[in-house]
Structure formats: C-alpha cells, structure tokens
N, C-alpha and C. Protein backbone atom coordinates (compact mmCIF):
# COMPACT_ATOMS: atom_id res chain seq x y z
N MET A 1 1.16 -31.12 -2.78
CA MET A 1 2.14 -30.45 -3.61
C MET A 1 2.42 -29.03 -3.11
N ILE A 2 1.39 -28.33 -2.63
CA ILE A 2 1.56 -26.96 -2.16
C ILE A 2 2.47 -26.93 -0.94
N VAL A 3 2.28 -27.86 -0.01
CA VAL A 3 3.11 -27.87 1.20
C VAL A 3 4.56 -28.14 0.83
N THR A 4 4.77 -29.06 -0.10
CA THR A 4 6.14 -29.35 -0.56
C THR A 4 6.75 -28.10 -1.17
N LEU A 5 5.97 -27.38 -1.95
CA LEU A 5 6.48 -26.16 -2.57
C LEU A 5 6.81 -25.09 -1.53
N ILE A 6 6.01 -25.00 -0.47
CA ILE A 6 6.30 -24.05 0.61
C ILE A 6 7.64 -24.40 1.24
N VAL A 7 7.86 -25.68 1.50
CA VAL A 7 9.13 -26.12 2.09
C VAL A 7 10.28 -25.81 1.13
N VAL A 8 10.07 -26.09 -0.17
CA VAL A 8 11.10 -25.81 -1.17
C VAL A 8 11.40 -24.31 -1.21
N CYS A 9 10.37 -23.48 -1.13
CA CYS A 9 10.57 -22.02 -1.13
C CYS A 9 11.36 -21.58 0.10
N GLU A 10 11.06 -22.15 1.25
CA GLU A 10 11.79 -21.78 2.47
C GLU A 10 13.25 -22.21 2.38
N VAL A 11 13.48 -23.43 1.95
CA VAL A 11 14.86 -23.89 1.79
C VAL A 11 15.56 -23.05 0.72
N GLY A 12 14.86 -22.79 -0.38
CA GLY A 12 15.42 -21.97 -1.45
C GLY A 12 15.78 -20.57 -0.97
N PHE A 13 14.95 -20.00 -0.10
CA PHE A 13 15.23 -18.68 0.46
C PHE A 13 16.59 -18.67 1.15
N TRP A 14 16.83 -19.67 2.01
CA TRP A 14 18.08 -19.71 2.77
C TRP A 14 19.27 -20.07 1.88
N VAL A 15 19.05 -20.92 0.88
CA VAL A 15 20.13 -21.28 -0.04
C VAL A 15 20.54 -20.05 -0.86
N LEU A 16 19.54 -19.34 -1.41
CA LEU A 16 19.85 -18.13 -2.18
C LEU A 16 20.51 -17.06 -1.30
N LEU A 17 20.05 -16.96 -0.06
CA LEU A 17 20.64 -15.99 0.85
C LEU A 17 22.10 -16.32 1.13
N ALA A 18 22.38 -17.59 1.43
CA ALA A 18 23.77 -18.00 1.70
C ALA A 18 24.64 -17.82 0.45
N LEU A 19 24.11 -18.19 -0.71
CA LEU A 19 24.87 -18.05 -1.95
C LEU A 19 25.13 -16.58 -2.27
N GLY A 20 24.09 -15.75 -2.15
CA GLY A 20 24.24 -14.33 -2.44
C GLY A 20 25.25 -13.65 -1.53
N LEU A 21 25.18 -13.96 -0.23
CA LEU A 21 26.11 -13.34 0.71
C LEU A 21 27.53 -13.89 0.54
N SER A 22 27.64 -15.16 0.20
CA SER A 22 28.97 -15.73 -0.06
C SER A 22 29.61 -15.08 -1.27
N LEU A 23 28.82 -14.89 -2.32
CA LEU A 23 29.36 -14.21 -3.50
C LEU A 23 29.73 -12.77 -3.18
N ARG A 24 28.90 -12.13 -2.38
CA ARG A 24 29.11 -10.72 -2.05
C ARG A 24 30.35 -10.51 -1.20
N TYR A 25 30.55 -11.33 -0.18
CA TYR A 25 31.62 -11.08 0.78
C TYR A 25 32.83 -12.01 0.62
N LEU A 26 32.59 -13.28 0.40
CA LEU A 26 33.72 -14.21 0.33
C LEU A 26 34.38 -14.20 -1.04
N ALA A 27 33.57 -14.20 -2.11
CA ALA A 27 34.13 -14.19 -3.47
C ALA A 27 34.41 -12.77 -3.95
N ARG A 28 33.99 -11.77 -3.17
CA ARG A 28 34.19 -10.35 -3.51
C ARG A 28 33.55 -10.00 -4.87
N LEU A 29 32.35 -10.53 -5.07
CA LEU A 29 31.56 -10.24 -6.27
C LEU A 29 30.23 -9.62 -5.83
N PRO A 30 30.28 -8.36 -5.37
CA PRO A 30 29.07 -7.76 -4.78
C PRO A 30 27.90 -7.64 -5.76
N ARG A 31 28.16 -7.37 -7.01
CA ARG A 31 27.05 -7.21 -7.96
C ARG A 31 26.38 -8.55 -8.24
N LEU A 32 27.18 -9.59 -8.40
CA LEU A 32 26.61 -10.92 -8.63
C LEU A 32 25.85 -11.38 -7.39
N GLY A 33 26.42 -11.11 -6.21
CA GLY A 33 25.74 -11.46 -4.97
C GLY A 33 24.40 -10.75 -4.84
N ALA A 34 24.38 -9.47 -5.19
CA ALA A 34 23.12 -8.71 -5.15
C ALA A 34 22.13 -9.28 -6.15
N GLY A 35 22.62 -9.68 -7.31
CA GLY A 35 21.75 -10.29 -8.32
C GLY A 35 21.10 -11.57 -7.82
N VAL A 36 21.88 -12.38 -7.12
CA VAL A 36 21.33 -13.62 -6.56
C VAL A 36 20.29 -13.29 -5.49
N LEU A 37 20.57 -12.28 -4.66
CA LEU A 37 19.61 -11.89 -3.63
C LEU A 37 18.31 -11.36 -4.23
N LEU A 38 18.41 -10.76 -5.41
CA LEU A 38 17.20 -10.26 -6.07
C LEU A 38 16.32 -11.38 -6.61
N LEU A 39 16.84 -12.60 -6.65
CA LEU A 39 16.04 -13.75 -7.08
C LEU A 39 15.08 -14.22 -5.99
N GLU A 40 15.31 -13.79 -4.77
CA GLU A 40 14.48 -14.23 -3.64
C GLU A 40 12.97 -14.05 -3.89
N PRO A 41 12.52 -12.87 -4.35
CA PRO A 41 11.07 -12.71 -4.56
C PRO A 41 10.48 -13.66 -5.61
N LEU A 42 11.30 -14.17 -6.51
CA LEU A 42 10.79 -15.10 -7.51
C LEU A 42 10.23 -16.36 -6.88
N LEU A 43 10.78 -16.75 -5.75
CA LEU A 43 10.27 -17.93 -5.06
C LEU A 43 8.80 -17.74 -4.67
N GLU A 44 8.48 -16.57 -4.16
CA GLU A 44 7.10 -16.31 -3.75
C GLU A 44 6.18 -16.19 -4.96
N VAL A 45 6.69 -15.62 -6.05
CA VAL A 45 5.89 -15.53 -7.27
C VAL A 45 5.55 -16.93 -7.77
N VAL A 46 6.54 -17.82 -7.75
CA VAL A 46 6.30 -19.21 -8.18
C VAL A 46 5.25 -19.85 -7.29
N LEU A 47 5.37 -19.67 -5.97
CA LEU A 47 4.39 -20.24 -5.04
C LEU A 47 3.00 -19.68 -5.30
N LEU A 48 2.91 -18.38 -5.54
CA LEU A 48 1.62 -17.75 -5.82
C LEU A 48 1.01 -18.31 -7.11
N VAL A 49 1.81 -18.42 -8.16
CA VAL A 49 1.31 -18.92 -9.44
C VAL A 49 0.86 -20.38 -9.32
N VAL A 50 1.67 -21.20 -8.67
CA VAL A 50 1.30 -22.62 -8.52
C VAL A 50 0.03 -22.77 -7.69
N THR A 51 -0.12 -21.95 -6.65
CA THR A 51 -1.33 -22.01 -5.84
C THR A 51 -2.55 -21.61 -6.67
N ALA A 52 -2.42 -20.55 -7.47
CA ALA A 52 -3.53 -20.11 -8.32
C ALA A 52 -3.88 -21.18 -9.36
N VAL A 53 -2.86 -21.77 -9.97
CA VAL A 53 -3.11 -22.82 -10.97
C VAL A 53 -3.78 -24.03 -10.32
N ASP A 54 -3.35 -24.36 -9.11
CA ASP A 54 -3.95 -25.48 -8.38
C ASP A 54 -5.44 -25.23 -8.16
N LEU A 55 -5.78 -24.01 -7.76
CA LEU A 55 -7.20 -23.68 -7.57
C LEU A 55 -7.94 -23.67 -8.91
N LYS A 56 -7.29 -23.16 -9.95
CA LYS A 56 -7.93 -23.10 -11.27
C LYS A 56 -8.23 -24.49 -11.80
N ASN A 57 -7.35 -25.44 -11.50
CA ASN A 57 -7.55 -26.80 -11.97
C ASN A 57 -8.56 -27.58 -11.14
N GLY A 58 -9.25 -26.88 -10.25
CA GLY A 58 -10.35 -27.50 -9.51
C GLY A 58 -9.99 -28.09 -8.17
N ALA A 59 -8.80 -27.79 -7.66
CA ALA A 59 -8.43 -28.30 -6.33
C ALA A 59 -9.37 -27.72 -5.29
N GLU A 60 -9.68 -28.54 -4.31
CA GLU A 60 -10.53 -28.09 -3.22
C GLU A 60 -9.74 -27.12 -2.34
N PRO A 61 -10.22 -25.87 -2.15
CA PRO A 61 -9.49 -24.93 -1.29
C PRO A 61 -9.41 -25.49 0.14
N ASP A 62 -8.20 -25.58 0.66
CA ASP A 62 -8.03 -26.09 2.01
C ASP A 62 -6.89 -25.37 2.72
N TRP A 63 -6.45 -25.95 3.82
CA TRP A 63 -5.45 -25.30 4.68
C TRP A 63 -4.15 -25.04 3.95
N LYS A 64 -3.81 -25.86 2.93
CA LYS A 64 -2.55 -25.68 2.21
C LYS A 64 -2.53 -24.36 1.46
N HIS A 65 -3.65 -23.99 0.88
CA HIS A 65 -3.73 -22.73 0.15
C HIS A 65 -3.65 -21.54 1.12
N GLY A 66 -4.26 -21.69 2.28
CA GLY A 66 -4.17 -20.65 3.31
C GLY A 66 -2.75 -20.50 3.84
N LEU A 67 -2.09 -21.62 4.03
CA LEU A 67 -0.71 -21.59 4.50
C LEU A 67 0.20 -20.92 3.47
N ALA A 68 -0.05 -21.18 2.21
CA ALA A 68 0.74 -20.54 1.14
C ALA A 68 0.56 -19.03 1.19
N ALA A 69 -0.67 -18.57 1.39
CA ALA A 69 -0.92 -17.12 1.47
C ALA A 69 -0.22 -16.51 2.68
N LEU A 70 -0.27 -17.20 3.83
CA LEU A 70 0.42 -16.68 5.01
C LEU A 70 1.93 -16.67 4.82
N TYR A 71 2.46 -17.68 4.17
CA TYR A 71 3.89 -17.73 3.91
C TYR A 71 4.32 -16.56 3.02
N ILE A 72 3.53 -16.29 1.99
CA ILE A 72 3.85 -15.17 1.08
C ILE A 72 3.76 -13.85 1.84
N GLY A 73 2.73 -13.69 2.65
CA GLY A 73 2.59 -12.47 3.45
C GLY A 73 3.75 -12.28 4.41
N PHE A 74 4.15 -13.35 5.07
CA PHE A 74 5.28 -13.27 6.00
C PHE A 74 6.55 -12.88 5.26
N THR A 75 6.77 -13.46 4.08
CA THR A 75 7.98 -13.16 3.32
C THR A 75 7.98 -11.71 2.84
N VAL A 76 6.83 -11.21 2.44
CA VAL A 76 6.74 -9.81 2.01
C VAL A 76 7.09 -8.89 3.18
N ALA A 77 6.57 -9.18 4.36
CA ALA A 77 6.77 -8.30 5.51
C ALA A 77 8.14 -8.46 6.17
N TYR A 78 8.62 -9.68 6.28
CA TYR A 78 9.84 -9.94 7.04
C TYR A 78 11.03 -10.34 6.18
N GLY A 79 10.85 -10.57 4.90
CA GLY A 79 11.94 -11.03 4.05
C GLY A 79 13.12 -10.08 4.00
N HIS A 80 12.88 -8.81 3.67
CA HIS A 80 13.96 -7.83 3.58
C HIS A 80 14.61 -7.63 4.95
N TYR A 81 13.81 -7.59 5.98
CA TYR A 81 14.32 -7.44 7.35
C TYR A 81 15.26 -8.59 7.70
N THR A 82 14.86 -9.80 7.36
CA THR A 82 15.69 -10.98 7.64
C THR A 82 16.98 -10.94 6.84
N ILE A 83 16.87 -10.59 5.56
CA ILE A 83 18.07 -10.52 4.71
C ILE A 83 19.04 -9.48 5.26
N LYS A 84 18.53 -8.33 5.66
CA LYS A 84 19.38 -7.27 6.20
C LYS A 84 20.06 -7.71 7.49
N TRP A 85 19.32 -8.41 8.34
CA TRP A 85 19.87 -8.89 9.60
C TRP A 85 20.99 -9.91 9.34
N VAL A 86 20.72 -10.88 8.48
CA VAL A 86 21.73 -11.91 8.17
C VAL A 86 22.92 -11.27 7.46
N ASP A 87 22.67 -10.31 6.58
CA ASP A 87 23.75 -9.62 5.87
C ASP A 87 24.70 -8.93 6.86
N GLY A 88 24.15 -8.27 7.86
CA GLY A 88 24.97 -7.60 8.86
C GLY A 88 25.85 -8.58 9.63
N HIS A 89 25.27 -9.69 10.02
CA HIS A 89 26.04 -10.71 10.76
C HIS A 89 27.09 -11.36 9.86
N PHE A 90 26.72 -11.64 8.62
CA PHE A 90 27.66 -12.27 7.68
C PHE A 90 28.82 -11.34 7.39
N ALA A 91 28.52 -10.07 7.14
CA ALA A 91 29.58 -9.09 6.86
C ALA A 91 30.53 -8.95 8.05
N HIS A 92 29.98 -8.97 9.26
CA HIS A 92 30.81 -8.85 10.46
C HIS A 92 31.70 -10.08 10.64
N ARG A 93 31.12 -11.23 10.45
CA ARG A 93 31.87 -12.48 10.71
C ARG A 93 32.90 -12.80 9.63
N PHE A 94 32.54 -12.57 8.37
CA PHE A 94 33.39 -13.03 7.28
C PHE A 94 34.09 -11.93 6.49
N ALA A 95 33.69 -10.68 6.66
CA ALA A 95 34.27 -9.62 5.84
C ALA A 95 34.80 -8.45 6.66
N GLY A 96 34.93 -8.63 7.96
CA GLY A 96 35.49 -7.57 8.79
C GLY A 96 34.59 -6.37 8.95
N GLY A 97 33.31 -6.54 8.73
CA GLY A 97 32.37 -5.43 8.88
C GLY A 97 32.14 -5.10 10.35
N PRO A 98 31.47 -3.98 10.59
CA PRO A 98 31.21 -3.60 11.98
C PRO A 98 30.24 -4.59 12.63
N PRO A 99 30.29 -4.68 13.95
CA PRO A 99 29.33 -5.57 14.62
C PRO A 99 27.90 -5.09 14.33
N PRO A 100 27.00 -6.02 14.09
CA PRO A 100 25.62 -5.62 13.82
C PRO A 100 25.00 -4.94 15.04
N VAL A 101 24.14 -4.01 14.77
CA VAL A 101 23.45 -3.29 15.84
C VAL A 101 22.42 -4.23 16.46
N LYS A 102 22.48 -4.35 17.76
CA LYS A 102 21.53 -5.22 18.46
C LYS A 102 20.24 -4.47 18.72
N ALA A 103 19.17 -5.22 18.81
CA ALA A 103 17.88 -4.63 19.14
C ALA A 103 17.96 -4.06 20.55
N PRO A 104 17.32 -2.92 20.78
CA PRO A 104 17.33 -2.34 22.13
C PRO A 104 16.67 -3.30 23.12
N ARG A 105 17.16 -3.27 24.33
CA ARG A 105 16.65 -4.22 25.33
C ARG A 105 15.75 -3.56 26.38
N TYR A 106 15.81 -2.24 26.50
CA TYR A 106 15.13 -1.60 27.61
C TYR A 106 14.35 -0.37 27.16
N GLY A 107 13.38 -0.01 27.99
CA GLY A 107 12.68 1.26 27.89
C GLY A 107 11.89 1.50 26.62
N SER A 108 11.75 2.78 26.29
CA SER A 108 10.94 3.18 25.15
C SER A 108 11.57 2.75 23.82
N ALA A 109 12.89 2.62 23.79
CA ALA A 109 13.54 2.15 22.56
C ALA A 109 13.09 0.73 22.25
N ARG A 110 13.00 -0.11 23.27
CA ARG A 110 12.53 -1.49 23.07
C ARG A 110 11.06 -1.48 22.66
N ALA A 111 10.27 -0.61 23.26
CA ALA A 111 8.84 -0.53 22.91
C ALA A 111 8.68 -0.12 21.44
N ARG A 112 9.48 0.84 20.97
CA ARG A 112 9.42 1.25 19.56
C ARG A 112 9.82 0.09 18.65
N HIS A 113 10.86 -0.63 19.03
CA HIS A 113 11.31 -1.78 18.24
C HIS A 113 10.19 -2.83 18.13
N GLU A 114 9.55 -3.13 19.23
CA GLU A 114 8.46 -4.12 19.22
C GLU A 114 7.27 -3.61 18.40
N ALA A 115 7.00 -2.31 18.46
CA ALA A 115 5.91 -1.75 17.66
C ALA A 115 6.21 -1.87 16.17
N LYS A 116 7.46 -1.66 15.77
CA LYS A 116 7.84 -1.81 14.36
C LYS A 116 7.70 -3.26 13.91
N LEU A 117 8.07 -4.20 14.77
CA LEU A 117 7.88 -5.61 14.42
C LEU A 117 6.39 -5.93 14.29
N TRP A 118 5.58 -5.37 15.18
CA TRP A 118 4.14 -5.60 15.08
C TRP A 118 3.59 -5.05 13.76
N LEU A 119 4.09 -3.90 13.32
CA LEU A 119 3.65 -3.36 12.04
C LEU A 119 4.01 -4.31 10.89
N ARG A 120 5.14 -4.98 11.00
CA ARG A 120 5.50 -5.98 9.99
C ARG A 120 4.51 -7.15 10.02
N THR A 121 4.13 -7.57 11.21
CA THR A 121 3.15 -8.65 11.33
C THR A 121 1.81 -8.21 10.76
N LEU A 122 1.45 -6.96 11.00
CA LEU A 122 0.22 -6.42 10.43
C LEU A 122 0.27 -6.45 8.90
N LEU A 123 1.41 -6.05 8.33
CA LEU A 123 1.58 -6.10 6.87
C LEU A 123 1.48 -7.53 6.36
N ALA A 124 2.14 -8.47 7.05
CA ALA A 124 2.09 -9.88 6.64
C ALA A 124 0.66 -10.38 6.62
N ALA A 125 -0.10 -10.07 7.66
CA ALA A 125 -1.48 -10.51 7.74
C ALA A 125 -2.34 -9.84 6.67
N ALA A 126 -2.08 -8.57 6.40
CA ALA A 126 -2.85 -7.87 5.37
C ALA A 126 -2.61 -8.47 3.99
N VAL A 127 -1.34 -8.74 3.67
CA VAL A 127 -1.02 -9.35 2.37
C VAL A 127 -1.69 -10.72 2.27
N ALA A 128 -1.58 -11.51 3.33
CA ALA A 128 -2.20 -12.84 3.32
C ALA A 128 -3.72 -12.74 3.17
N ALA A 129 -4.33 -11.81 3.90
CA ALA A 129 -5.78 -11.66 3.84
C ALA A 129 -6.24 -11.24 2.44
N VAL A 130 -5.49 -10.36 1.80
CA VAL A 130 -5.84 -9.93 0.44
C VAL A 130 -5.70 -11.10 -0.53
N LEU A 131 -4.61 -11.85 -0.44
CA LEU A 131 -4.43 -13.02 -1.31
C LEU A 131 -5.54 -14.04 -1.09
N LEU A 132 -5.88 -14.27 0.16
CA LEU A 132 -6.96 -15.20 0.47
C LEU A 132 -8.30 -14.70 -0.07
N GLN A 133 -8.52 -13.37 0.02
CA GLN A 133 -9.77 -12.82 -0.50
C GLN A 133 -9.85 -12.99 -2.01
N PHE A 134 -8.73 -12.77 -2.70
CA PHE A 134 -8.72 -13.01 -4.14
C PHE A 134 -9.03 -14.47 -4.46
N ALA A 135 -8.48 -15.38 -3.66
CA ALA A 135 -8.76 -16.80 -3.87
C ALA A 135 -10.24 -17.11 -3.62
N ILE A 136 -10.81 -16.48 -2.60
CA ILE A 136 -12.24 -16.68 -2.30
C ILE A 136 -13.09 -16.20 -3.47
N TRP A 137 -12.77 -15.02 -3.99
CA TRP A 137 -13.52 -14.51 -5.14
C TRP A 137 -13.31 -15.39 -6.37
N TYR A 138 -12.10 -15.89 -6.52
CA TYR A 138 -11.77 -16.72 -7.67
C TYR A 138 -12.57 -18.03 -7.66
N VAL A 139 -12.62 -18.67 -6.49
CA VAL A 139 -13.37 -19.93 -6.37
C VAL A 139 -14.86 -19.65 -6.45
N ASP A 140 -15.31 -18.55 -5.85
CA ASP A 140 -16.70 -18.08 -5.92
C ASP A 140 -17.72 -19.14 -5.52
N ASP A 141 -17.43 -19.80 -4.41
CA ASP A 141 -18.35 -20.80 -3.86
C ASP A 141 -18.20 -20.78 -2.35
N PRO A 142 -19.10 -20.05 -1.65
CA PRO A 142 -18.96 -19.92 -0.20
C PRO A 142 -18.91 -21.26 0.54
N GLY A 143 -19.48 -22.27 0.00
CA GLY A 143 -19.46 -23.58 0.63
C GLY A 143 -18.08 -24.22 0.60
N ARG A 144 -17.26 -23.84 -0.36
CA ARG A 144 -15.93 -24.45 -0.50
C ARG A 144 -14.80 -23.59 0.06
N THR A 145 -15.08 -22.34 0.37
CA THR A 145 -13.99 -21.42 0.75
C THR A 145 -13.86 -21.21 2.26
N THR A 146 -14.57 -21.98 3.06
CA THR A 146 -14.48 -21.83 4.52
C THR A 146 -13.05 -21.96 5.04
N PRO A 147 -12.25 -22.92 4.54
CA PRO A 147 -10.87 -22.99 5.05
C PRO A 147 -10.07 -21.70 4.77
N LEU A 148 -10.37 -21.02 3.68
CA LEU A 148 -9.65 -19.79 3.37
C LEU A 148 -10.07 -18.66 4.30
N THR A 149 -11.36 -18.58 4.60
CA THR A 149 -11.80 -17.54 5.54
C THR A 149 -11.29 -17.84 6.95
N ASP A 150 -11.14 -19.13 7.28
CA ASP A 150 -10.56 -19.49 8.57
C ASP A 150 -9.13 -18.98 8.68
N TRP A 151 -8.37 -19.04 7.58
CA TRP A 151 -6.99 -18.53 7.60
C TRP A 151 -6.97 -17.01 7.73
N GLN A 152 -7.96 -16.33 7.16
CA GLN A 152 -8.03 -14.88 7.35
C GLN A 152 -8.24 -14.56 8.83
N THR A 153 -9.10 -15.34 9.48
CA THR A 153 -9.34 -15.15 10.91
C THR A 153 -8.07 -15.44 11.70
N ALA A 154 -7.36 -16.49 11.33
CA ALA A 154 -6.11 -16.84 12.03
C ALA A 154 -5.08 -15.73 11.88
N ALA A 155 -5.00 -15.13 10.70
CA ALA A 155 -4.07 -14.01 10.49
C ALA A 155 -4.45 -12.83 11.39
N GLY A 156 -5.73 -12.56 11.51
CA GLY A 156 -6.20 -11.49 12.39
C GLY A 156 -5.87 -11.77 13.85
N ARG A 157 -6.02 -13.03 14.25
CA ARG A 157 -5.67 -13.41 15.63
C ARG A 157 -4.18 -13.22 15.88
N ALA A 158 -3.34 -13.59 14.92
CA ALA A 158 -1.89 -13.42 15.08
C ALA A 158 -1.54 -11.95 15.26
N VAL A 159 -2.20 -11.08 14.50
CA VAL A 159 -1.96 -9.63 14.63
C VAL A 159 -2.38 -9.16 16.02
N ALA A 160 -3.53 -9.63 16.50
CA ALA A 160 -4.02 -9.21 17.81
C ALA A 160 -3.08 -9.68 18.92
N ILE A 161 -2.64 -10.94 18.86
CA ILE A 161 -1.75 -11.46 19.89
C ILE A 161 -0.42 -10.73 19.88
N HIS A 162 0.15 -10.54 18.69
CA HIS A 162 1.43 -9.82 18.60
C HIS A 162 1.25 -8.37 19.05
N GLY A 163 0.10 -7.79 18.74
CA GLY A 163 -0.18 -6.42 19.19
C GLY A 163 -0.21 -6.32 20.71
N LEU A 164 -0.81 -7.30 21.37
CA LEU A 164 -0.83 -7.29 22.84
C LEU A 164 0.59 -7.43 23.41
N ILE A 165 1.38 -8.27 22.78
CA ILE A 165 2.77 -8.43 23.23
C ILE A 165 3.53 -7.12 23.06
N ALA A 166 3.39 -6.50 21.88
CA ALA A 166 4.08 -5.22 21.64
C ALA A 166 3.58 -4.14 22.60
N LEU A 167 2.30 -4.12 22.86
CA LEU A 167 1.74 -3.15 23.79
C LEU A 167 2.29 -3.35 25.20
N SER A 168 2.50 -4.60 25.57
CA SER A 168 3.03 -4.86 26.91
C SER A 168 4.43 -4.24 27.10
N TYR A 169 5.20 -4.14 26.02
CA TYR A 169 6.52 -3.50 26.12
C TYR A 169 6.38 -1.99 26.32
N THR A 170 5.25 -1.42 25.92
CA THR A 170 5.01 0.00 26.12
C THR A 170 4.50 0.26 27.54
N ILE A 171 3.59 -0.59 27.98
CA ILE A 171 2.98 -0.39 29.30
C ILE A 171 3.95 -0.74 30.42
N TRP A 172 4.60 -1.89 30.30
CA TRP A 172 5.53 -2.34 31.34
C TRP A 172 6.95 -2.33 30.78
N GLN A 173 7.49 -1.15 30.66
CA GLN A 173 8.83 -1.02 30.08
C GLN A 173 9.88 -1.61 31.02
N LYS A 174 10.73 -2.43 30.45
CA LYS A 174 11.80 -3.06 31.21
C LYS A 174 12.91 -2.05 31.44
N LYS A 175 13.36 -1.98 32.68
CA LYS A 175 14.42 -1.04 33.03
C LYS A 175 15.75 -1.80 33.07
N PRO A 176 16.83 -1.11 32.69
CA PRO A 176 18.13 -1.78 32.74
C PRO A 176 18.54 -2.09 34.17
N PRO A 177 19.34 -3.15 34.35
CA PRO A 177 19.83 -3.43 35.70
C PRO A 177 20.63 -2.25 36.24
N LYS A 178 20.74 -2.17 37.55
CA LYS A 178 21.39 -1.00 38.17
C LYS A 178 22.79 -0.75 37.64
N GLY A 179 23.56 -1.76 37.37
CA GLY A 179 24.93 -1.58 36.88
C GLY A 179 24.98 -1.06 35.45
N GLU A 180 23.97 -1.36 34.66
CA GLU A 180 23.95 -0.96 33.25
C GLU A 180 23.21 0.34 33.01
N GLU A 181 22.58 0.87 34.04
CA GLU A 181 21.69 2.01 33.89
C GLU A 181 22.27 3.16 33.09
N GLY A 182 23.42 3.64 33.48
CA GLY A 182 24.00 4.79 32.80
C GLY A 182 25.14 4.43 31.87
N ALA A 183 25.38 3.14 31.69
CA ALA A 183 26.53 2.70 30.88
C ALA A 183 26.46 3.22 29.46
N GLU A 184 25.26 3.31 28.92
CA GLU A 184 25.13 3.78 27.54
C GLU A 184 25.36 5.28 27.43
N ARG A 185 25.07 6.00 28.50
CA ARG A 185 25.17 7.45 28.44
C ARG A 185 26.56 7.96 28.82
N ARG A 186 27.30 7.18 29.61
CA ARG A 186 28.62 7.60 30.07
C ARG A 186 29.63 7.59 28.94
N PRO A 187 30.46 8.66 28.82
CA PRO A 187 31.50 8.64 27.78
C PRO A 187 32.56 7.61 28.14
N PRO A 188 33.25 7.06 27.13
CA PRO A 188 34.29 6.08 27.42
C PRO A 188 35.42 6.70 28.23
N VAL A 189 36.00 5.90 29.10
CA VAL A 189 37.11 6.36 29.94
C VAL A 189 38.37 6.35 29.11
N ARG A 190 39.08 7.48 29.14
CA ARG A 190 40.34 7.59 28.35
C ARG A 190 41.50 7.19 29.24
N VAL A 191 42.32 6.29 28.72
CA VAL A 191 43.48 5.83 29.47
C VAL A 191 44.71 6.26 28.70
N ASP A 192 45.55 7.09 29.35
CA ASP A 192 46.81 7.51 28.72
C ASP A 192 47.93 6.61 29.20
N ARG A 193 48.75 6.21 28.27
CA ARG A 193 49.90 5.36 28.63
C ARG A 193 51.17 6.08 28.38
C-alpha cells in the first residue's frame, strides 16, 4: 500500500503542477493556480500520516517505509525548485514569458550551481534521516528497525556520491569551447539600417 501511495503522490504532484500552471497561465486565473500549487505539500503530509499509521497498526518496518521517507525528503528539498523550473518553462512556452535561465555550463558558475544542488541533496537526506529516526524510536525494537537504519545509510551514501560529483566540478572546471569563450562578455553588435 505504501509503494502505491508513493506512486499516487508522484503522479498527483505532476497533475497538480500541470493543473496549477494551466489555471495560472492558460485560464488567466493566477490566484486559483497558486492555490492549486499550494496543495502540493498535502500529498507528502498524507504519505507521512499513512506511513505512521501503517507502523502504528503493527506493520513490519521495511524498505517501503524507508522509501516513503526518502521520497518526502526529496520533495522537501527539490519540490519548490522543480515547480519553479517548470513554471519558468510553462510561462515561456504558453504565456509569452521570458526564456528560462539555463544552468551555467562552465567554470566557477557551474561549480556553484552543482554545490547548490548538492546542498539540496543534503537537505533531502537530512529530512529523510530524521523521519526514519522518528520511525525507529516509534517502533522501539532494534531487531525490527534494521531496514530503516539501512535507508539512513543509503541516504548518507547518496549525499557522499553527489558531493564527490559536485566537488569534481570545482576541481576540474570545464572551460568553454574556444568560439564561445568571450561570447558572454562581448557586447551585442549594433547594426544600423
């Protein structure tokens, strides 16, 4: 049941996002669209409550409960970022908004961008680890909570791996191709007709 609910929450996230942005830009109802977007966190609250009730009713703690905690952590850390990214693309495509700003591709700007993403992963893992720790305390049986502690370890590993990837962008900064090197710094050429 927990895995099904995780899938329902993920599908619900994208359905609410599409509905909210459609109301905001296509139907020109920005307040109603924002209201629909504010429903997004309720999905995670429902998942959290159902997971807690499942454990309270004596369910054996297993990988499904750990996955629910990681899903909630990921949504807390990356949910707003994802909504903002999709909002920018939707506004550009359907409402004549400016083109969305692309992530930097080269140098220290790219390294900073990757470091910020790593901080989001760190937040996701921290939220998941705290939720898992509460579940461990709630069950209060070290013999039954091994799958939950395994998920805490997995979250830590994900942070470490993403940290190494982000660090690699700092150590080995990618340089722009020779033709693009100064393109960002050069002022636009003015053509008089």
